[in-house]
């Protein structure tokens, strides 16, 4: 699923966990927890996909971002409830 920048934002969750909040203020969809495996900046788009029972998020950039939002960790979306 391709999601453009106006439909997601990064928020800090409990216990230093990062979340991607999906939707808009008027039409919220939900939050997706993730663990980054490398540094990342603010992407132009994200792609969320499921493969063999595991969920993944990929960041798409138009140009290299000079702003680092988070330092390395894994980028696998948890499938168990928060």
C-alpha atoms as a PDB file:
ATOM      1  CA  UNK A   1       0.000   0.000   0.000  1.00  0.00           C
ATOM      2  CA  UNK A   2       1.541   3.331  -1.106  1.00  0.00           C
ATOM      3  CA  UNK A   3       0.892   6.207   1.313  1.00  0.00           C
ATOM      4  CA  UNK A   4       1.806   9.822   0.516  1.00  0.00           C
ATOM      5  CA  UNK A   5       3.278  12.302   3.019  1.00  0.00           C
ATOM      6  CA  UNK A   6       0.016  14.124   3.780  1.00  0.00           C
ATOM      7  CA  UNK A   7      -1.474  10.858   5.103  1.00  0.00           C
ATOM      8  CA  UNK A   8       1.198   9.861   7.652  1.00  0.00           C
ATOM      9  CA  UNK A   9       3.370  11.315  10.386  1.00  0.00           C
ATOM     10  CA  UNK A  10       5.862   9.981  12.923  1.00  0.00           C
ATOM     11  CA  UNK A  11       4.983  10.064  16.615  1.00  0.00           C
ATOM     12  CA  UNK A  12       6.798   8.882  19.738  1.00  0.00           C
ATOM     13  CA  UNK A  13       5.024   6.031  21.496  1.00  0.00           C
ATOM     14  CA  UNK A  14       5.484   4.615  24.971  1.00  0.00           C
ATOM     15  CA  UNK A  15       8.852   3.106  25.947  1.00  0.00           C
ATOM     16  CA  UNK A  16      10.770   4.982  23.217  1.00  0.00           C
ATOM     17  CA  UNK A  17       8.764   3.169  20.516  1.00  0.00           C
ATOM     18  CA  UNK A  18       8.259   4.942  17.180  1.00  0.00           C
ATOM     19  CA  UNK A  19       4.850   4.926  15.497  1.00  0.00           C
ATOM     20  CA  UNK A  20       3.610   5.914  12.067  1.00  0.00           C
ATOM     21  CA  UNK A  21       0.235   7.584  12.478  1.00  0.00           C
ATOM     22  CA  UNK A  22      -1.913   7.039   9.375  1.00  0.00           C
ATOM     23  CA  UNK A  23      -4.793   9.189   8.130  1.00  0.00           C
ATOM     24  CA  UNK A  24      -5.735  12.821   8.685  1.00  0.00           C
ATOM     25  CA  UNK A  25      -7.088  14.714  11.692  1.00  0.00           C
ATOM     26  CA  UNK A  26     -10.634  14.383  10.291  1.00  0.00           C
ATOM     27  CA  UNK A  27     -10.197  10.770   9.120  1.00  0.00           C
ATOM     28  CA  UNK A  28      -7.694   8.952  11.344  1.00  0.00           C
ATOM     29  CA  UNK A  29      -6.865   5.365  10.342  1.00  0.00           C
ATOM     30  CA  UNK A  30      -4.561   4.230  13.139  1.00  0.00           C
ATOM     31  CA  UNK A  31      -0.986   3.834  14.298  1.00  0.00           C
ATOM     32  CA  UNK A  32       1.644   1.382  13.072  1.00  0.00           C
ATOM     33  CA  UNK A  33       4.557   0.594  15.436  1.00  0.00           C
ATOM     34  CA  UNK A  34       7.918  -0.026  13.792  1.00  0.00           C
ATOM     35  CA  UNK A  35      11.589  -0.534  14.580  1.00  0.00           C
ATOM     36  CA  UNK A  36      14.098   1.155  12.249  1.00  0.00           C
ATOM     37  CA  UNK A  37      17.161  -0.799  11.156  1.00  0.00           C
ATOM     38  CA  UNK A  38      18.968   2.291   9.795  1.00  0.00           C
ATOM     39  CA  UNK A  39      18.833   6.064  10.122  1.00  0.00           C
ATOM     40  CA  UNK A  40      15.946   7.733   8.310  1.00  0.00           C
ATOM     41  CA  UNK A  41      14.678  11.190   7.471  1.00  0.00           C
ATOM     42  CA  UNK A  42      11.227  12.441   6.519  1.00  0.00           C
ATOM     43  CA  UNK A  43      10.147  10.379   3.480  1.00  0.00           C
ATOM     44  CA  UNK A  44       8.018  11.628   0.586  1.00  0.00           C
ATOM     45  CA  UNK A  45       6.010   8.373   0.637  1.00  0.00           C
ATOM     46  CA  UNK A  46       5.933   5.098   2.532  1.00  0.00           C
ATOM     47  CA  UNK A  47       5.005   1.626   1.348  1.00  0.00           C
ATOM     48  CA  UNK A  48       3.505  -0.877   3.789  1.00  0.00           C
ATOM     49  CA  UNK A  49       3.461  -4.509   2.694  1.00  0.00           C
ATOM     50  CA  UNK A  50       2.958  -8.011   4.039  1.00  0.00           C
ATOM     51  CA  UNK A  51       5.241 -10.849   2.989  1.00  0.00           C
ATOM     52  CA  UNK A  52       5.092 -14.388   4.380  1.00  0.00           C
ATOM     53  CA  UNK A  53       3.187 -13.250   7.485  1.00  0.00           C
ATOM     54  CA  UNK A  54       5.599 -10.393   8.273  1.00  0.00           C
ATOM     55  CA  UNK A  55       4.785  -6.689   7.806  1.00  0.00           C
ATOM     56  CA  UNK A  56       7.320  -4.198   6.436  1.00  0.00           C
ATOM     57  CA  UNK A  57       7.478  -0.460   5.839  1.00  0.00           C
ATOM     58  CA  UNK A  58       9.716   1.112   3.166  1.00  0.00           C
ATOM     59  CA  UNK A  59      10.548   4.804   2.966  1.00  0.00           C
ATOM     60  CA  UNK A  60      10.620   6.560  -0.427  1.00  0.00           C
ATOM     61  CA  UNK A  61      12.645   9.757  -0.830  1.00  0.00           C
ATOM     62  CA  UNK A  62      12.671  12.258  -3.680  1.00  0.00           C
ATOM     63  CA  UNK A  63      16.135  13.473  -2.595  1.00  0.00           C
ATOM     64  CA  UNK A  64      18.474  12.461   0.191  1.00  0.00           C
ATOM     65  CA  UNK A  65      17.213  13.949   3.453  1.00  0.00           C
ATOM     66  CA  UNK A  66      19.710  15.866   5.591  1.00  0.00           C
ATOM     67  CA  UNK A  67      17.424  15.609   8.618  1.00  0.00           C
ATOM     68  CA  UNK A  68      17.831  12.361  10.569  1.00  0.00           C
ATOM     69  CA  UNK A  69      14.672  11.616  12.554  1.00  0.00           C
ATOM     70  CA  UNK A  70      15.857   8.407  14.182  1.00  0.00           C
ATOM     71  CA  UNK A  71      19.028   6.349  14.492  1.00  0.00           C
ATOM     72  CA  UNK A  72      19.280   2.624  13.561  1.00  0.00           C
ATOM     73  CA  UNK A  73      17.023  -0.212  14.729  1.00  0.00           C
ATOM     74  CA  UNK A  74      15.001  -2.791  12.761  1.00  0.00           C
ATOM     75  CA  UNK A  75      12.131  -1.660  10.468  1.00  0.00           C
ATOM     76  CA  UNK A  76       9.740  -4.563  10.876  1.00  0.00           C
ATOM     77  CA  UNK A  77       6.149  -3.823  11.817  1.00  0.00           C
ATOM     78  CA  UNK A  78       4.975  -5.900  14.737  1.00  0.00           C
ATOM     79  CA  UNK A  79       2.045  -8.208  14.031  1.00  0.00           C
ATOM     80  CA  UNK A  80       1.078  -8.824  17.671  1.00  0.00           C
ATOM     81  CA  UNK A  81      -1.281  -6.372  19.429  1.00  0.00           C
ATOM     82  CA  UNK A  82       0.285  -3.417  21.253  1.00  0.00           C
END
